[in-house]
Amino acid sequence: MTRCKCKSKAHIPLSERELQVLELVADGLTNEKIAEKLKISKRTVDNHISNILSKTSTHNRVELVRWALLWGKICLDNINCCQVKQLTK
């Protein structure tokens, strides 16, 4: 999973760290694995995910990943990445 490089329609301000966490959630990592990868505590990951869910008005990881794909926050195997940018060319 990679972050989309195009401008997103979503005006939800996610921090750089929240975007990193979001990418790892979309990759299917558990909070424990995300903590290990980012070298932060699991509790910090829990807090980041809680904040992201709140900001995006999503209720679980599945809804969150769907939201992230829909709004161009992440790309999945170069599918549906930067659709808005490609359509405007």
PDB file of N, CA and C in Angstrom:
ATOM      1  N   MET A   1       0.848  -1.161   0.000  1.00  0.00           N
ATOM      2  CA  MET A   1       0.000   0.000   0.000  1.00  0.00           C
ATOM      3  C   MET A   1       0.900   1.232   0.000  1.00  0.00           C
ATOM      4  N   THR A   2       0.584   2.207  -0.820  1.00  0.00           N
ATOM      5  CA  THR A   2       1.352   3.437  -0.843  1.00  0.00           C
ATOM      6  C   THR A   2       0.406   4.624  -0.777  1.00  0.00           C
ATOM      7  N   ARG A   3       0.965   5.738  -0.383  1.00  0.00           N
ATOM      8  CA  ARG A   3       0.163   6.942  -0.301  1.00  0.00           C
ATOM      9  C   ARG A   3       0.020   7.534  -1.681  1.00  0.00           C
ATOM     10  N   CYS A   4      -1.167   8.008  -1.984  1.00  0.00           N
ATOM     11  CA  CYS A   4      -1.439   8.644  -3.260  1.00  0.00           C
ATOM     12  C   CYS A   4      -0.722   9.988  -3.295  1.00  0.00           C
ATOM     13  N   LYS A   5      -0.118  10.317  -4.414  1.00  0.00           N
ATOM     14  CA  LYS A   5       0.638  11.557  -4.523  1.00  0.00           C
ATOM     15  C   LYS A   5      -0.205  12.715  -5.047  1.00  0.00           C
ATOM     16  N   CYS A   6      -1.424  12.433  -5.485  1.00  0.00           N
ATOM     17  CA  CYS A   6      -2.256  13.502  -6.030  1.00  0.00           C
ATOM     18  C   CYS A   6      -2.982  14.238  -4.912  1.00  0.00           C
ATOM     19  N   LYS A   7      -3.560  15.361  -5.265  1.00  0.00           N
ATOM     20  CA  LYS A   7      -4.360  16.118  -4.298  1.00  0.00           C
ATOM     21  C   LYS A   7      -5.627  15.341  -3.984  1.00  0.00           C
ATOM     22  N   SER A   8      -5.943  15.259  -2.725  1.00  0.00           N
ATOM     23  CA  SER A   8      -7.130  14.535  -2.289  1.00  0.00           C
ATOM     24  C   SER A   8      -8.323  15.468  -2.223  1.00  0.00           C
ATOM     25  N   LYS A   9      -9.499  14.944  -2.499  1.00  0.00           N
ATOM     26  CA  LYS A   9     -10.732  15.709  -2.332  1.00  0.00           C
ATOM     27  C   LYS A   9     -11.075  15.849  -0.861  1.00  0.00           C
ATOM     28  N   ALA A  10     -10.601  14.926  -0.060  1.00  0.00           N
ATOM     29  CA  ALA A  10     -10.933  14.943   1.358  1.00  0.00           C
ATOM     30  C   ALA A  10     -10.183  16.073   2.045  1.00  0.00           C
ATOM     31  N   HIS A  11     -10.907  16.905   2.730  1.00  0.00           N
ATOM     32  CA  HIS A  11     -10.284  18.025   3.433  1.00  0.00           C
ATOM     33  C   HIS A  11     -10.068  17.682   4.897  1.00  0.00           C
ATOM     34  N   ILE A  12      -9.880  16.397   5.162  1.00  0.00           N
ATOM     35  CA  ILE A  12      -9.631  15.930   6.512  1.00  0.00           C
ATOM     36  C   ILE A  12      -8.130  16.063   6.768  1.00  0.00           C
ATOM     37  N   PRO A  13      -7.737  16.903   7.704  1.00  0.00           N
ATOM     38  CA  PRO A  13      -6.300  17.074   7.953  1.00  0.00           C
ATOM     39  C   PRO A  13      -5.728  15.927   8.807  1.00  0.00           C
ATOM     40  N   LEU A  14      -5.021  15.024   8.170  1.00  0.00           N
ATOM     41  CA  LEU A  14      -4.330  13.961   8.899  1.00  0.00           C
ATOM     42  C   LEU A  14      -2.854  14.330   8.962  1.00  0.00           C
ATOM     43  N   SER A  15      -2.265  14.113  10.124  1.00  0.00           N
ATOM     44  CA  SER A  15      -0.844  14.402  10.280  1.00  0.00           C
ATOM     45  C   SER A  15      -0.016  13.389   9.484  1.00  0.00           C
ATOM     46  N   GLU A  16       1.239  13.711   9.302  1.00  0.00           N
ATOM     47  CA  GLU A  16       2.135  12.790   8.595  1.00  0.00           C
ATOM     48  C   GLU A  16       2.179  11.435   9.307  1.00  0.00           C
ATOM     49  N   ARG A  17       2.240  11.429  10.628  1.00  0.00           N
ATOM     50  CA  ARG A  17       2.267  10.182  11.384  1.00  0.00           C
ATOM     51  C   ARG A  17       0.956   9.421  11.225  1.00  0.00           C
ATOM     52  N   GLU A  18      -0.173  10.139  11.241  1.00  0.00           N
ATOM     53  CA  GLU A  18      -1.460   9.481  11.042  1.00  0.00           C
ATOM     54  C   GLU A  18      -1.532   8.837   9.661  1.00  0.00           C
ATOM     55  N   LEU A  19      -0.987   9.494   8.655  1.00  0.00           N
ATOM     56  CA  LEU A  19      -0.953   8.912   7.310  1.00  0.00           C
ATOM     57  C   LEU A  19      -0.081   7.657   7.280  1.00  0.00           C
ATOM     58  N   GLN A  20       1.039   7.679   8.011  1.00  0.00           N
ATOM     59  CA  GLN A  20       1.889   6.484   8.092  1.00  0.00           C
ATOM     60  C   GLN A  20       1.128   5.332   8.739  1.00  0.00           C
ATOM     61  N   VAL A  21       0.447   5.620   9.826  1.00  0.00           N
ATOM     62  CA  VAL A  21      -0.341   4.599  10.519  1.00  0.00           C
ATOM     63  C   VAL A  21      -1.435   4.083   9.598  1.00  0.00           C
ATOM     64  N   LEU A  22      -2.106   4.970   8.908  1.00  0.00           N
ATOM     65  CA  LEU A  22      -3.174   4.587   7.985  1.00  0.00           C
ATOM     66  C   LEU A  22      -2.659   3.628   6.902  1.00  0.00           C
ATOM     67  N   GLU A  23      -1.502   3.924   6.337  1.00  0.00           N
ATOM     68  CA  GLU A  23      -0.907   3.031   5.331  1.00  0.00           C
ATOM     69  C   GLU A  23      -0.670   1.639   5.898  1.00  0.00           C
ATOM     70  N   LEU A  24      -0.180   1.570   7.118  1.00  0.00           N
ATOM     71  CA  LEU A  24       0.124   0.277   7.734  1.00  0.00           C
ATOM     72  C   LEU A  24      -1.153  -0.473   8.113  1.00  0.00           C
ATOM     73  N   VAL A  25      -2.187   0.250   8.515  1.00  0.00           N
ATOM     74  CA  VAL A  25      -3.490  -0.371   8.754  1.00  0.00           C
ATOM     75  C   VAL A  25      -3.976  -0.994   7.446  1.00  0.00           C
ATOM     76  N   ALA A  26      -3.868  -0.243   6.363  1.00  0.00           N
ATOM     77  CA  ALA A  26      -4.312  -0.732   5.056  1.00  0.00           C
ATOM     78  C   ALA A  26      -3.489  -1.933   4.587  1.00  0.00           C
ATOM     79  N   ASP A  27      -2.254  -2.035   5.043  1.00  0.00           N
ATOM     80  CA  ASP A  27      -1.416  -3.198   4.724  1.00  0.00           C
ATOM     81  C   ASP A  27      -1.798  -4.417   5.553  1.00  0.00           C
ATOM     82  N   GLY A  28      -2.706  -4.219   6.519  1.00  0.00           N
ATOM     83  CA  GLY A  28      -3.187  -5.335   7.324  1.00  0.00           C
ATOM     84  C   GLY A  28      -2.412  -5.588   8.595  1.00  0.00           C
ATOM     85  N   LEU A  29      -1.542  -4.661   8.990  1.00  0.00           N
ATOM     86  CA  LEU A  29      -0.759  -4.845  10.206  1.00  0.00           C
ATOM     87  C   LEU A  29      -1.613  -4.622  11.450  1.00  0.00           C
ATOM     88  N   THR A  30      -1.320  -5.368  12.491  1.00  0.00           N
ATOM     89  CA  THR A  30      -1.971  -5.165  13.780  1.00  0.00           C
ATOM     90  C   THR A  30      -1.366  -3.927  14.441  1.00  0.00           C
ATOM     91  N   ASN A  31      -2.021  -3.449  15.472  1.00  0.00           N
ATOM     92  CA  ASN A  31      -1.479  -2.299  16.201  1.00  0.00           C
ATOM     93  C   ASN A  31      -0.103  -2.609  16.771  1.00  0.00           C
ATOM     94  N   GLU A  32       0.081  -3.835  17.235  1.00  0.00           N
ATOM     95  CA  GLU A  32       1.386  -4.234  17.778  1.00  0.00           C
ATOM     96  C   GLU A  32       2.477  -4.164  16.712  1.00  0.00           C
ATOM     97  N   LYS A  33       2.155  -4.667  15.516  1.00  0.00           N
ATOM     98  CA  LYS A  33       3.139  -4.655  14.416  1.00  0.00           C
ATOM     99  C   LYS A  33       3.412  -3.239  13.933  1.00  0.00           C
ATOM    100  N   ILE A  34       2.374  -2.408  13.919  1.00  0.00           N
ATOM    101  CA  ILE A  34       2.565  -1.004  13.536  1.00  0.00           C
ATOM    102  C   ILE A  34       3.497  -0.325  14.526  1.00  0.00           C
ATOM    103  N   ALA A  35       3.283  -0.590  15.810  1.00  0.00           N
ATOM    104  CA  ALA A  35       4.136  -0.008  16.851  1.00  0.00           C
ATOM    105  C   ALA A  35       5.590  -0.426  16.658  1.00  0.00           C
ATOM    106  N   GLU A  36       5.805  -1.702  16.389  1.00  0.00           N
ATOM    107  CA  GLU A  36       7.170  -2.194  16.161  1.00  0.00           C
ATOM    108  C   GLU A  36       7.801  -1.512  14.957  1.00  0.00           C
ATOM    109  N   LYS A  37       7.053  -1.438  13.865  1.00  0.00           N
ATOM    110  CA  LYS A  37       7.582  -0.873  12.627  1.00  0.00           C
ATOM    111  C   LYS A  37       7.919   0.608  12.776  1.00  0.00           C
ATOM    112  N   LEU A  38       7.081   1.349  13.489  1.00  0.00           N
ATOM    113  CA  LEU A  38       7.299   2.788  13.654  1.00  0.00           C
ATOM    114  C   LEU A  38       8.121   3.134  14.890  1.00  0.00           C
ATOM    115  N   LYS A  39       8.451   2.090  15.661  1.00  0.00           N
ATOM    116  CA  LYS A  39       9.246   2.275  16.890  1.00  0.00           C
ATOM    117  C   LYS A  39       8.568   3.240  17.865  1.00  0.00           C
ATOM    118  N   ILE A  40       7.261   2.987  18.062  1.00  0.00           N
ATOM    119  CA  ILE A  40       6.477   3.733  19.034  1.00  0.00           C
ATOM    120  C   ILE A  40       5.689   2.717  19.859  1.00  0.00           C
ATOM    121  N   SER A  41       5.063   3.167  20.927  1.00  0.00           N
ATOM    122  CA  SER A  41       4.322   2.233  21.777  1.00  0.00           C
ATOM    123  C   SER A  41       2.994   1.846  21.131  1.00  0.00           C
ATOM    124  N   LYS A  42       2.483   0.697  21.534  1.00  0.00           N
ATOM    125  CA  LYS A  42       1.182   0.245  21.042  1.00  0.00           C
ATOM    126  C   LYS A  42       0.099   1.237  21.457  1.00  0.00           C
ATOM    127  N   ARG A  43       0.220   1.760  22.649  1.00  0.00           N
ATOM    128  CA  ARG A  43      -0.770   2.741  23.128  1.00  0.00           C
ATOM    129  C   ARG A  43      -0.790   3.982  22.235  1.00  0.00           C
ATOM    130  N   THR A  44       0.357   4.415  21.765  1.00  0.00           N
ATOM    131  CA  THR A  44       0.420   5.549  20.845  1.00  0.00           C
ATOM    132  C   THR A  44      -0.273   5.206  19.533  1.00  0.00           C
ATOM    133  N   VAL A  45      -0.056   3.992  19.039  1.00  0.00           N
ATOM    134  CA  VAL A  45      -0.745   3.547  17.821  1.00  0.00           C
ATOM    135  C   VAL A  45      -2.250   3.526  18.063  1.00  0.00           C
ATOM    136  N   ASP A  46      -2.672   2.976  19.197  1.00  0.00           N
ATOM    137  CA  ASP A  46      -4.092   2.956  19.544  1.00  0.00           C
ATOM    138  C   ASP A  46      -4.681   4.372  19.494  1.00  0.00           C
ATOM    139  N   ASN A  47      -3.953   5.331  20.057  1.00  0.00           N
ATOM    140  CA  ASN A  47      -4.409   6.724  20.072  1.00  0.00           C
ATOM    141  C   ASN A  47      -4.487   7.301  18.665  1.00  0.00           C
ATOM    142  N   HIS A  48      -3.469   7.027  17.840  1.00  0.00           N
ATOM    143  CA  HIS A  48      -3.473   7.515  16.461  1.00  0.00           C
ATOM    144  C   HIS A  48      -4.688   6.955  15.709  1.00  0.00           C
ATOM    145  N   ILE A  49      -4.928   5.667  15.842  1.00  0.00           N
ATOM    146  CA  ILE A  49      -6.047   5.053  15.134  1.00  0.00           C
ATOM    147  C   ILE A  49      -7.370   5.611  15.637  1.00  0.00           C
ATOM    148  N   SER A  50      -7.497   5.792  16.916  1.00  0.00           N
ATOM    149  CA  SER A  50      -8.716   6.389  17.466  1.00  0.00           C
ATOM    150  C   SER A  50      -8.938   7.787  16.897  1.00  0.00           C
ATOM    151  N   ASN A  51      -7.882   8.585  16.841  1.00  0.00           N
ATOM    152  CA  ASN A  51      -7.976   9.940  16.284  1.00  0.00           C
ATOM    153  C   ASN A  51      -8.349   9.911  14.801  1.00  0.00           C
ATOM    154  N   ILE A  52      -7.745   8.986  14.052  1.00  0.00           N
ATOM    155  CA  ILE A  52      -8.031   8.874  12.616  1.00  0.00           C
ATOM    156  C   ILE A  52      -9.483   8.463  12.400  1.00  0.00           C
ATOM    157  N   LEU A  53      -9.953   7.482  13.157  1.00  0.00           N
ATOM    158  CA  LEU A  53     -11.348   7.050  13.038  1.00  0.00           C
ATOM    159  C   LEU A  53     -12.293   8.215  13.328  1.00  0.00           C
ATOM    160  N   SER A  54     -11.975   8.980  14.339  1.00  0.00           N
ATOM    161  CA  SER A  54     -12.808  10.123  14.705  1.00  0.00           C
ATOM    162  C   SER A  54     -12.803  11.183  13.595  1.00  0.00           C
ATOM    163  N   LYS A  55     -11.619  11.536  13.107  1.00  0.00           N
ATOM    164  CA  LYS A  55     -11.498  12.558  12.059  1.00  0.00           C
ATOM    165  C   LYS A  55     -12.217  12.154  10.779  1.00  0.00           C
ATOM    166  N   THR A  56     -12.203  10.870  10.464  1.00  0.00           N
ATOM    167  CA  THR A  56     -12.782  10.396   9.202  1.00  0.00           C
ATOM    168  C   THR A  56     -14.226   9.914   9.353  1.00  0.00           C
ATOM    169  N   SER A  57     -14.746   9.976  10.564  1.00  0.00           N
ATOM    170  CA  SER A  57     -16.110   9.503  10.855  1.00  0.00           C
ATOM    171  C   SER A  57     -16.320   8.061  10.414  1.00  0.00           C
ATOM    172  N   THR A  58     -15.293   7.242  10.618  1.00  0.00           N
ATOM    173  CA  THR A  58     -15.399   5.813  10.337  1.00  0.00           C
ATOM    174  C   THR A  58     -15.427   5.070  11.666  1.00  0.00           C
ATOM    175  N   HIS A  59     -15.920   3.830  11.632  1.00  0.00           N
ATOM    176  CA  HIS A  59     -16.140   3.101  12.878  1.00  0.00           C
ATOM    177  C   HIS A  59     -15.218   1.913  13.081  1.00  0.00           C
ATOM    178  N   ASN A  60     -14.526   1.505  12.028  1.00  0.00           N
ATOM    179  CA  ASN A  60     -13.632   0.354  12.148  1.00  0.00           C
ATOM    180  C   ASN A  60     -12.587   0.412  11.044  1.00  0.00           C
ATOM    181  N   ARG A  61     -11.658  -0.536  11.078  1.00  0.00           N
ATOM    182  CA  ARG A  61     -10.545  -0.541  10.130  1.00  0.00           C
ATOM    183  C   ARG A  61     -11.002  -0.731   8.683  1.00  0.00           C
ATOM    184  N   VAL A  62     -12.040  -1.535   8.487  1.00  0.00           N
ATOM    185  CA  VAL A  62     -12.535  -1.767   7.129  1.00  0.00           C
ATOM    186  C   VAL A  62     -13.095  -0.469   6.545  1.00  0.00           C
ATOM    187  N   GLU A  63     -13.940   0.206   7.310  1.00  0.00           N
ATOM    188  CA  GLU A  63     -14.479   1.482   6.850  1.00  0.00           C
ATOM    189  C   GLU A  63     -13.357   2.492   6.617  1.00  0.00           C
ATOM    190  N   LEU A  64     -12.371   2.493   7.480  1.00  0.00           N
ATOM    191  CA  LEU A  64     -11.255   3.425   7.362  1.00  0.00           C
ATOM    192  C   LEU A  64     -10.474   3.191   6.069  1.00  0.00           C
ATOM    193  N   VAL A  65     -10.157   1.948   5.765  1.00  0.00           N
ATOM    194  CA  VAL A  65      -9.408   1.649   4.536  1.00  0.00           C
ATOM    195  C   VAL A  65     -10.246   2.016   3.314  1.00  0.00           C
ATOM    196  N   ARG A  66     -11.536   1.711   3.366  1.00  0.00           N
ATOM    197  CA  ARG A  66     -12.427   2.086   2.253  1.00  0.00           C
ATOM    198  C   ARG A  66     -12.421   3.606   2.070  1.00  0.00           C
ATOM    199  N   TRP A  67     -12.523   4.350   3.167  1.00  0.00           N
ATOM    200  CA  TRP A  67     -12.488   5.807   3.110  1.00  0.00           C
ATOM    201  C   TRP A  67     -11.168   6.280   2.495  1.00  0.00           C
ATOM    202  N   ALA A  68     -10.065   5.686   2.945  1.00  0.00           N
ATOM    203  CA  ALA A  68      -8.744   6.100   2.462  1.00  0.00           C
ATOM    204  C   ALA A  68      -8.583   5.844   0.965  1.00  0.00           C
ATOM    205  N   LEU A  69      -9.098   4.730   0.480  1.00  0.00           N
ATOM    206  CA  LEU A  69      -9.053   4.440  -0.957  1.00  0.00           C
ATOM    207  C   LEU A  69      -9.945   5.403  -1.730  1.00  0.00           C
ATOM    208  N   LEU A  70     -11.129   5.630  -1.214  1.00  0.00           N
ATOM    209  CA  LEU A  70     -12.093   6.505  -1.879  1.00  0.00           C
ATOM    210  C   LEU A  70     -11.564   7.928  -2.028  1.00  0.00           C
ATOM    211  N   TRP A  71     -10.900   8.420  -1.010  1.00  0.00           N
ATOM    212  CA  TRP A  71     -10.432   9.804  -1.008  1.00  0.00           C
ATOM    213  C   TRP A  71      -8.974   9.963  -1.401  1.00  0.00           C
ATOM    214  N   GLY A  72      -8.360   8.899  -1.910  1.00  0.00           N
ATOM    215  CA  GLY A  72      -7.005   9.032  -2.444  1.00  0.00           C
ATOM    216  C   GLY A  72      -5.924   9.211  -1.405  1.00  0.00           C
ATOM    217  N   LYS A  73      -6.164   8.749  -0.191  1.00  0.00           N
ATOM    218  CA  LYS A  73      -5.135   8.842   0.846  1.00  0.00           C
ATOM    219  C   LYS A  73      -4.113   7.711   0.712  1.00  0.00           C
ATOM    220  N   ILE A  74      -4.539   6.589   0.132  1.00  0.00           N
ATOM    221  CA  ILE A  74      -3.654   5.447  -0.099  1.00  0.00           C
ATOM    222  C   ILE A  74      -3.951   4.868  -1.475  1.00  0.00           C
ATOM    223  N   CYS A  75      -2.997   4.129  -1.998  1.00  0.00           N
ATOM    224  CA  CYS A  75      -3.161   3.427  -3.262  1.00  0.00           C
ATOM    225  C   CYS A  75      -2.973   1.940  -2.995  1.00  0.00           C
ATOM    226  N   LEU A  76      -3.700   1.132  -3.720  1.00  0.00           N
ATOM    227  CA  LEU A  76      -3.612  -0.316  -3.573  1.00  0.00           C
ATOM    228  C   LEU A  76      -3.095  -0.902  -4.875  1.00  0.00           C
ATOM    229  N   ASP A  77      -1.837  -1.351  -4.881  1.00  0.00           N
ATOM    230  CA  ASP A  77      -1.232  -1.973  -6.066  1.00  0.00           C
ATOM    231  C   ASP A  77      -1.444  -1.120  -7.315  1.00  0.00           C
ATOM    232  N   ASN A  78      -1.309   0.184  -7.187  1.00  0.00           N
ATOM    233  CA  ASN A  78      -1.470   1.135  -8.290  1.00  0.00           C
ATOM    234  C   ASN A  78      -2.850   1.081  -8.938  1.00  0.00           C
ATOM    235  N   ILE A  79      -3.841   0.573  -8.229  1.00  0.00           N
ATOM    236  CA  ILE A  79      -5.217   0.552  -8.711  1.00  0.00           C
ATOM    237  C   ILE A  79      -5.984   1.652  -7.999  1.00  0.00           C
ATOM    238  N   ASN A  80      -6.738   2.416  -8.760  1.00  0.00           N
ATOM    239  CA  ASN A  80      -7.528   3.532  -8.236  1.00  0.00           C
ATOM    240  C   ASN A  80      -6.670   4.615  -7.597  1.00  0.00           C
ATOM    241  N   CYS A  81      -5.425   4.696  -7.969  1.00  0.00           N
ATOM    242  CA  CYS A  81      -4.552   5.723  -7.409  1.00  0.00           C
ATOM    243  C   CYS A  81      -4.685   6.994  -8.217  1.00  0.00           C
ATOM    244  N   CYS A  82      -4.885   8.071  -7.519  1.00  0.00           N
ATOM    245  CA  CYS A  82      -4.929   9.392  -8.133  1.00  0.00           C
ATOM    246  C   CYS A  82      -5.946   9.448  -9.267  1.00  0.00           C
ATOM    247  N   GLN A  83      -7.108   8.851  -9.089  1.00  0.00           N
ATOM    248  CA  GLN A  83      -8.138   8.854 -10.134  1.00  0.00           C
ATOM    249  C   GLN A  83      -8.483  10.267 -10.574  1.00  0.00           C
ATOM    250  N   VAL A  84      -8.609  11.154  -9.641  1.00  0.00           N
ATOM    251  CA  VAL A  84      -8.997  12.524  -9.964  1.00  0.00           C
ATOM    252  C   VAL A  84      -7.958  13.150 -10.893  1.00  0.00           C
ATOM    253  N   LYS A  85      -6.691  12.969 -10.588  1.00  0.00           N
ATOM    254  CA  LYS A  85      -5.629  13.539 -11.403  1.00  0.00           C
ATOM    255  C   LYS A  85      -5.657  12.929 -12.809  1.00  0.00           C
ATOM    256  N   GLN A  86      -5.842  11.614 -12.912  1.00  0.00           N
ATOM    257  CA  GLN A  86      -5.849  10.961 -14.205  1.00  0.00           C
ATOM    258  C   GLN A  86      -7.044  11.386 -15.042  1.00  0.00           C
ATOM    259  N   LEU A  87      -8.192  11.587 -14.424  1.00  0.00           N
ATOM    260  CA  LEU A  87      -9.393  11.962 -15.155  1.00  0.00           C
ATOM    261  C   LEU A  87      -9.324  13.403 -15.691  1.00  0.00           C
ATOM    262  N   THR A  88      -8.534  14.247 -15.050  1.00  0.00           N
ATOM    263  CA  THR A  88      -8.464  15.642 -15.477  1.00  0.00           C
ATOM    264  C   THR A  88      -7.436  15.862 -16.573  1.00  0.00           C
ATOM    265  N   LYS A  89      -6.662  14.870 -16.916  1.00  0.00           N
ATOM    266  CA  LYS A  89      -5.635  15.030 -17.966  1.00  0.00           C
ATOM    267  C   LYS A  89      -6.263  15.097 -19.327  1.00  0.00           C
TER     268      LYS A  89
END
